[in-house]
Protein backbone atom coordinates (compact mmCIF):
# COMPACT_ATOMS: atom_id res chain seq x y z
CA MET A 1 123.75 106.34 104.77
CA GLU A 2 121.84 103.18 103.79
CA LYS A 3 120.10 100.83 106.14
CA ASN A 4 118.58 97.53 104.89
CA LEU A 5 116.26 96.53 107.79
CA GLU A 6 116.15 92.87 107.39
CA ASN A 7 114.05 90.76 109.82
CA ASP A 8 116.77 88.37 111.04
CA GLY A 9 116.02 86.15 113.95
CA ILE A 10 112.26 86.75 113.81
CA GLU A 11 110.01 83.74 113.35
CA SER A 12 108.03 83.67 110.17
CA PHE A 13 104.30 83.93 109.57
CA THR A 14 101.93 83.59 106.87
CA ASN A 15 98.98 85.84 105.84
CA HIS A 16 95.58 84.26 105.33
CA GLY A 17 92.72 86.20 103.82
CA ASP A 18 89.50 84.44 105.11
CA ALA A 19 88.68 86.90 107.94
CA GLN A 20 85.23 86.59 109.29
CA ALA A 21 83.30 88.79 111.73
CA PRO A 22 81.85 87.55 115.08
CA PRO A 23 78.39 88.05 116.40
CA TRP A 24 79.69 89.85 119.58
CA GLU A 25 77.12 88.41 122.06
CA ASP A 26 77.77 89.21 125.65
CA CYS A 27 75.19 87.00 127.26
CA GLY A 28 76.33 84.72 130.13
CA PHE A 29 79.31 86.91 131.35
CA GLU A 30 80.33 88.18 134.66
CA GLU A 31 81.25 91.83 134.22
CA MET A 32 84.46 93.10 135.81
CA SER A 33 84.83 96.80 135.57
CA ASN A 34 87.92 98.94 135.96
CA THR A 35 86.77 102.19 137.39
CA SER A 36 89.96 104.04 136.61
CA THR A 37 89.68 103.56 132.85
CA GLY A 38 85.99 102.72 132.25
CA LEU A 39 87.14 99.45 130.53
CA VAL A 40 85.32 96.28 131.02
CA VAL A 41 86.55 92.67 131.10
CA TYR A 42 83.98 89.88 130.63
CA VAL A 43 84.65 86.52 132.32
CA VAL A 44 82.56 83.38 132.13
CA GLU A 45 81.80 81.45 135.24
CA ASP A 46 84.60 78.85 134.65
CA GLY A 47 87.29 81.47 135.19
CA VAL A 48 88.56 82.05 131.64
CA ARG A 49 89.94 85.48 131.27
CA ILE A 50 91.66 87.51 128.63
CA VAL A 51 93.90 90.44 129.60
CA VAL A 52 95.30 93.23 127.40
CA GLU A 53 98.04 95.34 129.00
CA PRO A 54 98.09 98.18 129.06
CA GLU A 55 94.29 98.54 128.85
CA SER A 56 94.66 101.94 127.38
CA CYS A 57 97.76 103.27 125.54
CA LEU A 58 98.91 105.47 122.71
CA HIS A 59 98.37 104.05 119.17
CA ASP A 60 102.01 103.73 118.53
CA GLU A 61 102.66 101.57 121.64
CA PRO A 62 102.70 97.74 121.77
CA VAL A 63 100.52 95.67 124.03
CA SER A 64 100.56 92.17 125.51
CA VAL A 65 97.58 89.80 125.16
CA ARG A 66 97.21 86.83 127.56
CA ALA A 67 94.45 84.37 128.26
CA THR A 68 94.27 82.46 131.54
CA GLY A 69 92.03 79.89 133.09
CA LEU A 70 92.07 77.45 130.17
CA GLN A 71 92.54 73.71 130.22
CA PRO A 72 96.06 72.62 129.35
CA GLY A 73 96.11 71.85 125.61
CA GLN A 74 92.90 73.63 125.01
CA GLN A 75 92.51 75.05 121.52
CA VAL A 76 91.19 78.48 121.25
CA THR A 77 90.80 81.37 118.71
CA ILE A 78 91.75 84.87 119.81
CA GLN A 79 89.95 87.58 117.88
CA ALA A 80 90.26 91.41 117.62
CA SER A 81 87.55 93.74 116.30
CA MET A 82 87.19 97.51 115.87
CA THR A 83 85.03 99.86 113.92
CA GLU A 84 86.63 102.89 112.18
CA THR A 85 85.21 106.31 111.73
CA ARG A 86 83.00 105.46 108.74
CA GLY A 87 81.43 102.62 110.53
CA VAL A 88 83.41 99.94 108.77
CA LYS A 89 84.22 96.96 111.00
CA PHE A 90 87.77 95.54 110.92
CA ILE A 91 88.65 92.16 112.46
CA SER A 92 91.53 89.65 112.93
CA TYR A 93 91.86 86.27 114.49
CA ALA A 94 94.57 83.70 115.32
CA TYR A 95 94.65 80.09 116.60
CA TYR A 96 96.53 79.09 119.76
CA THR A 97 96.72 76.01 121.97
CA ALA A 98 96.93 76.64 125.82
CA ASP A 99 100.20 75.52 127.62
CA ASN A 100 100.43 73.20 130.50
CA GLU A 101 99.31 76.01 132.86
CA GLY A 102 96.22 76.77 130.75
CA MET A 103 97.59 80.00 129.50
CA VAL A 104 98.01 81.59 126.05
CA ASP A 105 100.62 84.35 125.80
CA VAL A 106 100.37 86.04 122.27
CA GLU A 107 103.73 87.87 122.83
CA LYS A 108 105.62 84.57 123.18
CA MET A 109 103.54 81.73 121.68
CA GLU A 110 103.11 80.72 118.07
CA SER A 111 99.83 81.21 116.22
CA GLU A 112 98.97 78.00 114.44
CA GLY A 113 96.80 79.66 111.84
CA GLY A 114 94.08 82.37 111.20
CA HIS A 115 95.36 85.65 109.90
CA TYR A 116 98.96 84.85 110.67
CA LYS A 117 101.25 81.91 111.76
CA GLY A 118 104.14 82.05 114.17
CA VAL A 119 105.16 84.49 116.92
CA PHE A 120 103.70 87.92 116.13
CA PRO A 121 103.26 89.91 119.24
CA MET A 122 101.20 92.65 117.64
CA GLY A 123 99.56 90.47 114.95
CA LEU A 124 96.06 90.95 116.22
CA ILE A 125 96.37 94.64 115.60
CA GLY A 126 98.67 94.56 112.54
CA THR A 127 96.39 92.10 110.56
CA LEU A 128 93.06 93.83 111.13
CA GLN A 129 91.09 93.81 107.95
CA PRO A 130 87.53 94.48 106.76
CA ALA A 131 85.05 92.03 108.10
CA PRO A 132 83.39 89.76 105.48
CA THR A 133 80.26 91.80 105.66
CA GLU A 134 82.28 94.93 104.54
CA TYR A 135 83.78 95.87 101.28
CA GLN A 136 87.11 93.98 101.29
CA TYR A 137 89.30 96.68 99.79
CA THR A 138 88.63 99.27 102.43
CA ARG A 139 91.56 101.20 103.82
CA PHE A 140 91.51 101.89 107.48
CA PHE A 141 91.20 105.69 108.01
CA LYS A 142 91.05 107.35 111.42
CA ARG A 143 89.13 110.66 111.13
CA ASP A 144 88.20 111.49 114.64
CA VAL A 145 91.62 111.61 116.27
CA GLU A 146 90.39 113.02 119.49
CA ASN A 147 88.72 109.76 120.20
CA PRO A 148 90.61 106.39 120.65
CA ASN A 149 90.18 103.28 118.65
CA ILE A 150 88.23 100.81 120.74
CA VAL A 151 89.41 97.30 120.08
CA LYS A 152 87.37 94.32 121.36
CA VAL A 153 89.63 91.32 122.10
CA SER A 154 87.84 88.00 122.72
CA ILE A 155 88.64 84.30 122.97
CA HIS A 156 86.63 81.51 121.53
CA GLU A 157 86.57 77.75 122.02
CA GLY A 158 88.33 75.79 119.34
CA HIS A 159 90.03 76.70 116.19
CA LEU A 160 87.21 78.36 114.38
CA SER A 161 87.09 79.13 110.63
CA GLY A 162 85.95 82.60 109.47
CA GLU A 163 82.70 81.18 108.47
CA GLU A 164 82.05 79.79 111.88
CA LEU A 165 83.02 83.01 113.66
CA CYS A 166 80.50 84.89 111.67
CA GLN A 167 77.49 82.61 112.06
CA PRO A 168 74.69 84.29 114.02
CA THR A 169 74.35 81.06 115.89
CA SER A 170 78.05 80.89 116.94
CA PRO A 171 78.48 80.38 120.66
CA PRO A 172 79.51 83.43 122.69
CA PRO A 173 83.26 83.95 123.41
CA LEU A 174 84.74 82.43 126.63
CA ALA A 175 85.90 85.91 127.59
CA SER A 176 86.42 89.42 126.14
CA MET A 177 87.95 92.71 126.91
CA MET A 178 87.83 96.25 125.51
CA HIS A 179 91.15 98.02 124.79
CA GLN A 180 91.68 101.59 123.90
CA ARG A 181 94.40 103.06 121.52
CA HIS A 182 94.78 106.85 121.61
CA TYR A 183 96.24 109.08 118.77
CA MET A 184 96.44 112.18 120.97
CA GLY A 185 98.39 112.16 124.23
CA PRO A 186 97.52 114.15 127.32
CA GLY A 187 97.46 117.99 126.71
CA VAL A 188 97.91 117.67 122.83
CA GLN A 189 96.02 120.58 121.13
CA ARG A 190 94.04 120.23 117.86
CA ILE A 191 93.57 123.48 116.09
CA PRO A 192 91.75 123.68 112.75
CA VAL A 193 93.57 125.90 110.28
CA ARG A 194 92.22 128.38 107.63
CA TYR A 195 95.15 130.71 106.93
CA GLY A 196 94.95 132.52 103.58
CA ARG A 197 94.66 129.64 101.16
CA VAL A 198 95.95 127.13 103.57
CA ARG A 199 93.61 124.38 104.85
CA GLY A 200 94.57 121.86 107.46
CA CYS A 201 94.95 121.16 111.17
CA LEU A 202 97.72 122.07 113.66
CA PHE A 203 98.50 119.73 116.46
CA LEU A 204 100.72 121.07 119.38
CA PRO A 205 102.37 119.10 122.28
CA GLN A 206 101.57 119.80 125.72
CA GLY A 207 103.66 122.61 127.27
CA PRO A 208 105.05 126.07 126.36
CA GLY A 209 107.44 124.97 123.66
CA PRO A 210 108.91 125.93 121.35
CA PHE A 211 108.67 122.66 119.37
CA PRO A 212 110.21 121.61 116.10
CA GLY A 213 107.66 122.21 113.34
CA VAL A 214 106.67 119.76 110.58
CA VAL A 215 104.30 119.83 107.58
CA ASP A 216 102.69 116.52 107.25
CA MET A 217 101.11 115.32 103.92
CA PHE A 218 99.51 112.09 102.49
CA GLY A 219 98.87 111.13 98.98
CA THR A 220 96.12 110.85 96.34
CA ALA A 221 93.64 109.80 98.82
CA GLY A 222 93.01 113.64 99.11
CA GLY A 223 91.20 115.32 101.87
CA LEU A 224 92.64 115.90 105.30
CA LEU A 225 94.20 113.12 107.27
CA GLU A 226 95.19 113.96 110.82
CA TYR A 227 96.20 110.84 112.49
CA ARG A 228 100.01 111.01 111.88
CA SER A 229 100.16 114.64 113.04
CA ALA A 230 98.29 113.77 116.21
CA GLN A 231 100.84 111.17 116.87
CA LEU A 232 103.77 113.52 116.03
CA ALA A 233 102.42 116.10 118.36
CA THR A 234 102.17 113.41 121.09
CA ARG A 235 105.93 112.73 120.60
CA GLY A 236 106.94 116.47 120.72
CA PHE A 237 106.40 117.98 117.22
CA ALA A 238 104.33 120.86 116.21
CA ALA A 239 102.65 119.17 113.23
CA LEU A 240 100.57 120.73 110.54
CA ALA A 241 98.37 118.14 108.78
CA LEU A 242 98.10 119.87 105.45
CA ALA A 243 95.42 119.15 102.87
CA PHE A 244 96.40 120.01 99.30
CA PHE A 245 93.44 118.77 97.20
CA ALA A 246 89.89 117.47 97.40
CA TYR A 247 89.19 119.26 100.65
CA ASP A 248 87.09 122.29 101.48
CA ASP A 249 87.67 124.97 98.83
CA LEU A 250 90.96 123.47 97.53
CA PRO A 251 91.36 122.08 94.02
CA LYS A 252 89.35 119.00 93.37
CA THR A 253 91.88 117.28 91.13
CA LEU A 254 95.62 116.63 90.85
CA GLU A 255 96.06 118.62 87.74
CA ALA A 256 98.44 121.21 89.17
CA PHE A 257 99.85 122.59 92.42
CA ASP A 258 101.50 125.85 93.21
CA ILE A 259 104.58 125.98 95.42
CA ALA A 260 103.27 129.21 96.80
CA TYR A 261 100.55 127.21 98.63
CA PHE A 262 103.16 125.18 100.49
CA GLU A 263 105.26 128.37 101.17
CA GLU A 264 102.08 129.81 102.87
CA ALA A 265 101.81 126.70 104.91
CA VAL A 266 105.36 127.07 106.11
CA GLU A 267 104.81 130.69 106.74
CA PHE A 268 101.87 129.87 108.97
CA LEU A 269 103.86 127.33 110.93
CA MET A 270 106.91 129.61 111.34
CA LYS A 271 104.67 132.48 112.65
CA HIS A 272 103.31 130.41 115.57
CA GLU A 273 104.76 131.19 118.88
CA LYS A 274 105.15 127.58 119.91
CA VAL A 275 107.13 126.55 116.73
CA MET A 276 110.93 126.50 116.86
CA LYS A 277 112.64 128.99 114.52
CA PRO A 278 114.20 129.34 111.86
CA ARG A 279 113.52 126.06 110.21
CA VAL A 280 110.88 123.34 109.79
CA GLY A 281 110.65 119.91 108.20
CA ALA A 282 108.25 118.12 105.90
CA VAL A 283 106.99 114.54 105.75
CA GLY A 284 104.97 112.93 103.09
CA VAL A 285 103.86 109.54 101.78
CA SER A 286 103.26 108.58 98.11
CA LYS A 287 102.37 111.86 96.20
CA GLY A 288 103.04 113.65 99.53
CA GLY A 289 106.62 112.27 99.39
CA ASP A 290 107.53 114.12 96.18
CA LEU A 291 105.86 117.24 97.59
CA ALA A 292 108.04 116.96 100.66
CA LEU A 293 111.14 116.82 98.33
CA SER A 294 109.97 119.87 96.50
CA MET A 295 109.39 121.81 99.63
CA ALA A 296 112.87 121.05 100.89
CA THR A 297 114.22 121.96 97.42
CA PHE A 298 112.34 125.11 96.74
CA ILE A 299 111.44 126.56 100.16
CA PRO A 300 114.54 127.73 102.08
CA GLU A 301 112.94 127.40 105.53
CA VAL A 302 112.37 123.65 104.94
CA LYS A 303 115.58 121.96 106.21
CA ALA A 304 114.51 118.33 106.38
CA ALA A 305 112.26 116.17 104.32
CA VAL A 306 111.07 112.55 105.01
CA CYS A 307 109.94 110.88 101.76
CA ILE A 308 107.93 107.70 102.36
CA ASN A 309 107.64 105.68 99.16
CA GLY A 310 107.67 108.86 97.10
CA SER A 311 109.27 109.82 93.85
CA ILE A 312 112.27 111.71 92.87
CA SER A 313 110.09 113.21 90.10
CA ASN A 314 107.06 115.38 90.37
CA ILE A 315 104.44 112.52 89.85
CA GLN A 316 101.44 113.32 87.53
CA SER A 317 100.75 116.86 88.58
CA LYS A 318 102.70 119.88 87.30
CA LEU A 319 104.13 122.08 90.06
CA VAL A 320 104.14 125.81 89.40
CA LEU A 321 107.29 127.41 90.80
CA ARG A 322 108.30 131.10 91.02
CA ASP A 323 110.22 131.17 87.67
CA ARG A 324 109.11 128.01 85.83
CA THR A 325 106.85 125.06 85.91
CA LEU A 326 107.95 121.51 86.85
CA PRO A 327 106.07 119.12 84.50
CA GLY A 328 104.45 115.98 85.96
CA LEU A 329 106.10 112.57 85.34
CA PRO A 330 103.50 110.83 83.05
CA LEU A 331 101.72 107.56 83.63
CA ASP A 332 101.29 104.86 81.01
CA GLY A 333 97.75 103.60 81.46
CA GLY A 334 98.43 100.85 78.92
CA LYS A 335 100.73 99.14 81.35
CA ILE A 336 98.04 98.66 83.94
CA LYS A 337 97.33 94.93 84.63
CA ILE A 338 94.22 93.43 86.30
CA VAL A 339 94.82 90.51 88.54
CA ASP A 340 91.79 88.95 90.28
CA ASP A 341 89.89 92.25 89.60
CA ILE A 342 92.60 94.27 91.29
CA LEU A 343 94.67 96.81 89.41
CA ASP A 344 98.46 96.28 89.37
CA CYS A 345 99.94 99.71 88.43
CA TYR A 346 103.56 98.84 89.22
CA GLU A 347 104.80 99.46 85.66
CA THR A 348 102.59 102.39 84.87
CA VAL A 349 104.86 105.16 86.19
CA GLU A 350 107.52 106.16 83.75
CA ASN A 351 111.27 106.14 84.46
CA PRO A 352 112.21 109.66 85.58
CA GLU A 353 115.54 109.52 83.66
CA ASP A 354 113.44 109.32 80.46
CA PHE A 355 111.78 112.54 81.53
CA PRO A 356 114.56 114.62 83.23
CA GLU A 357 112.51 117.88 83.08
CA THR A 358 110.24 116.25 85.72
CA ILE A 359 112.96 115.49 88.30
CA ILE A 360 113.18 117.55 91.45
CA PRO A 361 116.69 118.87 91.80
CA ILE A 362 117.18 117.84 95.37
CA GLU A 363 120.97 118.02 94.99
CA THR A 364 120.57 121.79 95.10
CA ALA A 365 118.77 121.76 98.37
CA ASP A 366 120.07 123.04 101.70
CA ALA A 367 118.33 120.29 103.54
CA ASN A 368 118.60 116.75 104.81
CA PHE A 369 116.65 113.84 103.41
CA LEU A 370 115.33 110.61 104.74
CA PHE A 371 113.97 108.00 102.34
CA LEU A 372 111.77 105.23 103.68
CA VAL A 373 111.34 102.47 101.10
CA GLY A 374 109.00 99.57 101.06
CA CYS A 375 110.77 96.87 98.97
CA ASP A 376 107.44 95.18 98.09
CA ASP A 377 105.70 98.38 97.06
CA ARG A 378 103.25 97.42 94.24
CA ASN A 379 101.95 100.94 93.68
CA TRP A 380 105.04 102.05 91.90
CA LYS A 381 108.82 101.55 91.92
CA SER A 382 109.75 103.26 95.11
CA GLU A 383 113.17 101.61 95.23
CA MET A 384 114.04 102.84 91.80
CA PHE A 385 113.00 106.42 92.79
CA ALA A 386 115.14 106.29 95.90
CA ASP A 387 118.07 104.88 93.97
CA LEU A 388 117.83 107.67 91.45
CA ALA A 389 117.63 110.32 94.25
CA ILE A 390 120.77 108.86 96.03
CA LYS A 391 122.69 108.71 92.62
CA ARG A 392 121.91 112.43 92.13
CA LEU A 393 122.99 113.42 95.61
CA LYS A 394 126.20 111.25 95.31
CA GLU A 395 127.05 112.79 91.99
CA ALA A 396 126.79 116.18 93.42
CA GLY A 397 129.09 115.26 96.31
CA ARG A 398 126.32 115.38 98.92
CA ASN A 399 126.01 113.10 101.94
CA ASN A 400 122.86 114.74 103.44
CA TYR A 401 120.66 111.68 103.24
CA GLU A 402 119.64 108.40 104.75
CA VAL A 403 117.73 105.63 103.20
CA HIS A 404 115.98 102.84 104.99
CA ARG A 405 114.74 99.81 103.03
CA TYR A 406 112.14 97.55 104.44
CA PRO A 407 111.94 94.06 102.81
CA GLY A 408 108.37 92.64 102.39
CA THR A 409 106.87 96.03 102.93
CA GLY A 410 104.32 97.76 100.69
CA HIS A 411 103.38 101.21 99.73
CA LEU A 412 101.19 102.59 102.64
CA ILE A 413 103.83 102.73 105.38
CA GLU A 414 101.68 104.28 108.19
CA PRO A 415 102.43 105.17 111.85
CA PRO A 416 103.32 102.28 114.15
CA TYR A 417 100.75 99.45 114.51
CA SER A 418 98.29 100.78 111.81
CA PRO A 419 96.49 97.96 110.05
CA HIS A 420 98.32 96.78 106.92
CA THR A 421 96.63 97.57 103.61
CA ALA A 422 97.74 95.28 100.78
CA ALA A 423 95.14 96.45 98.41
CA CYS A 424 92.35 99.00 98.55
CA TYR A 425 89.94 101.01 96.46
CA HIS A 426 91.48 103.99 94.71
CA LYS A 427 88.88 106.69 94.30
CA LEU A 428 90.64 108.26 91.31
CA LEU A 429 90.87 104.97 89.41
CA ARG A 430 87.46 103.72 90.82
CA MET A 431 88.82 100.20 91.31
CA PRO A 432 90.87 98.39 93.93
CA MET A 433 94.67 98.47 93.45
CA PHE A 434 97.63 96.60 94.85
CA PHE A 435 99.79 98.32 97.39
CA GLY A 436 101.87 95.28 98.41
CA GLY A 437 103.63 94.01 101.46
CA THR A 438 102.83 91.34 104.00
CA SER A 439 101.29 92.07 107.49
CA TRP A 440 104.28 90.88 109.41
CA HIS A 441 106.90 92.85 107.42
CA HIS A 442 104.66 95.88 107.32
CA THR A 443 103.97 96.00 111.02
CA LYS A 444 107.75 95.58 111.69
CA ALA A 445 108.63 98.38 109.32
CA GLN A 446 105.99 100.72 110.78
CA HIS A 447 107.48 100.05 114.23
CA GLN A 448 110.96 100.77 113.09
CA GLU A 449 109.87 103.86 111.19
């Protein structure tokens, strides 16, 4: 089944890349404390107030942002700011004009500029990007999933440029509020995993279970990323965030992987008393996408795979199977382009049909497949990979798949309302590289995902 998720009927917006960081001065405010949440709203004496509802929510939930107490027609800048685990500050801002009642409602009103234009209800979250004092090609990572993201939302007089907002002498905001976004819901358990060779972290929902199990993998960023598994557990899945290189005592490079390692991960998950038997699923993005397809193809207990901008071929690394080795699809470094000091690697991955020995034979799998495809992926040709996968399944008479295509969406499709990353530093290439997409389309796709 194919779904082309167009954005009909939604007002357009434009991205702008001149984000600047505010000084965050709190002088001159009346403090209004919410004792039930520990959150604080700061209000100046003239009654201007900004409200984020709910004040505290799960990270995959939307919020409304409103400002009241303004003068009719007053021009303001609404800004969001948060600091991620490594201490990197991310900010966003948008321009609004108060209505006849002195109100700005971000959910319903058009932004006139800043990081986006038009009606974009979650634009302040979706367009968060590194502050100008930070390295501009930093991808937002959440490492400490047991603690929420703290987002400071503030309102400033006038339509301020990025430069004006970051000036140390900039006037303090008219009002501001702290908003919490949680990755783990009430009762979710986080359990570090060292099982044989397996390294990862298991997240279990609240309650006795059993719960459907899923192995969760990312790409060539390496290490252990837990934030998607934490959110999956919050929504009822027993999710194993699985590291497969550059973590603990695992291999440091992408040279080769052994299917036995992933079999051992499935074995661990299946043995857990709270995991539903006799099957599990796998989800992966980028390199993790082709690993998810391989797991569904070569491990009988894996009956479903979600491939997010992954490849039908085993990318770059060889995969050691029980009876043979699946070679890696080669990359042609000569096709890399450099645009404004950013790597464009779109053409570097070879066509799998020219290297059939690298193709994962998903048509033989006793599993169901879901392909999520960003149509503006600049990392590699995700649409081509998905088309080839569907072609193989159709030629084999299989209908065990769905493909969802997201126009204007780039490579790093993350859980809902994660900040969009159009380009970021790639530690293997040691330079920033394009991932593609626009913030509006990306935020929309992540919500639909």
